[in-house]
């Protein structure tokens, strides 16, 4: 079959693509940029499309030729594009799919997408489910619990990061929030099964693993798996977690968001025996999965770096803002000396000082609002290198300043480069 996979570049989407290819299906994936996925999956075809803007049936008509099944694994936990990706885009896609005689649509939803969960994530997911049910197409809705795997993303990355904290493991509330975690390979296998013709459509399945585990138990298992020893827990009150979630909401990034916290508290358990009866195989347990794939050094690195990445981002933002503030309030003398050494008119001193401070603020804003760590790191490196070369040429004595006025820029550039490598979470 020819299968179109939306969200093919995500943690779940990549595994679905690989599983479908292994089963002999022809796969077309939608991604923001095709280069990386085309190299990783040379047997698949990828199309670059911004799902949040593909809101008309015409946007999809040219991509549905000979498509038998659509797998919608696209989703966002926060941000202004949520309604577009979860509801408006699928509505346009379903209209085009019906006209193109697409046989079936498989939607990856979430087990916490329920009417009693008031987050915009849950409500938009439910709206997307309702739209699919009424589309006139054959459909399957999958509502998985926490999805984990060799890699990690979102909730599982947060679990690993918490489990890898030194000294103690922060525990949200009493840590009794329950999950039935399912391995991403078992979820992808389930997707492959429901795509195929002999699976009866118009069903809602809850892909869940055989174990019911609390957050506390999950953290303890991950910590032991990574080789960090037994867990010593420090309870973090839920109101404090909500405060950190609001910070994540405001910045649009960060390891914790209000939605993820509410979804965790809402409950993420399902009937594993019912799922086995419907899907025809038994997913592995977390214990078996961790035993089959012992932790490696990169797993420990990722866990320990998970919270260091946003901390490094915050420190860099603070550095640029303080640089602008200090430059505006106390930078007059040094700017005058720089202009004099460069042989420039003295009238340029204030515009140069104010302009450099404005540039510092712009860099800080880029760090906060640009989701590409690579892009913001490159901008910072160019600015720091430019400052270093110009000031080092005009005021060479600063290289020998005992406080390291210019020498400090070298480790700062290294820190910026590290952020560019570890700062992206996608």
Foldseek 3Di string as FASTA:
>chain_A
DEEEEEPCVDPLNVLLVVVCVVVVYAYEYEDQDCVVVCVVCVRYHYDHDDQLPQQALVSCLVVCAPHQEYEYPDADLDDPSHLSNLARSVLSVLVSCVVNVHAEYEYEAALLLDPVQPDPNSVSNVNSVVSRLPSPHFYEYEHEWAEDEPDDAAPVLLLLQQLLDPPAREAEAPQFQKAQYFYSNVVSLLVSQCSDDVQHTDYYAYDGAPDIDTSVRSSQVSNVLQPVDGHHYDYDYNVVLQVVQVVCNVLVHDNHHNSVSSSSNSHHDDDQVVRCVRRVHHTDGPVVNSVVPGDDPVSSVSNNCVRVLVVLLVVLLVVLLVQLVCLVVPVQVVLQLLCVLVVHPSVCSVVVSNVLSVVSNVLSVCSRHPLQLLVSLVSVLVSLVVVLVSCCVSPVCCCVPPVRPNPVSVVVNVSSVVSNVSVHRD
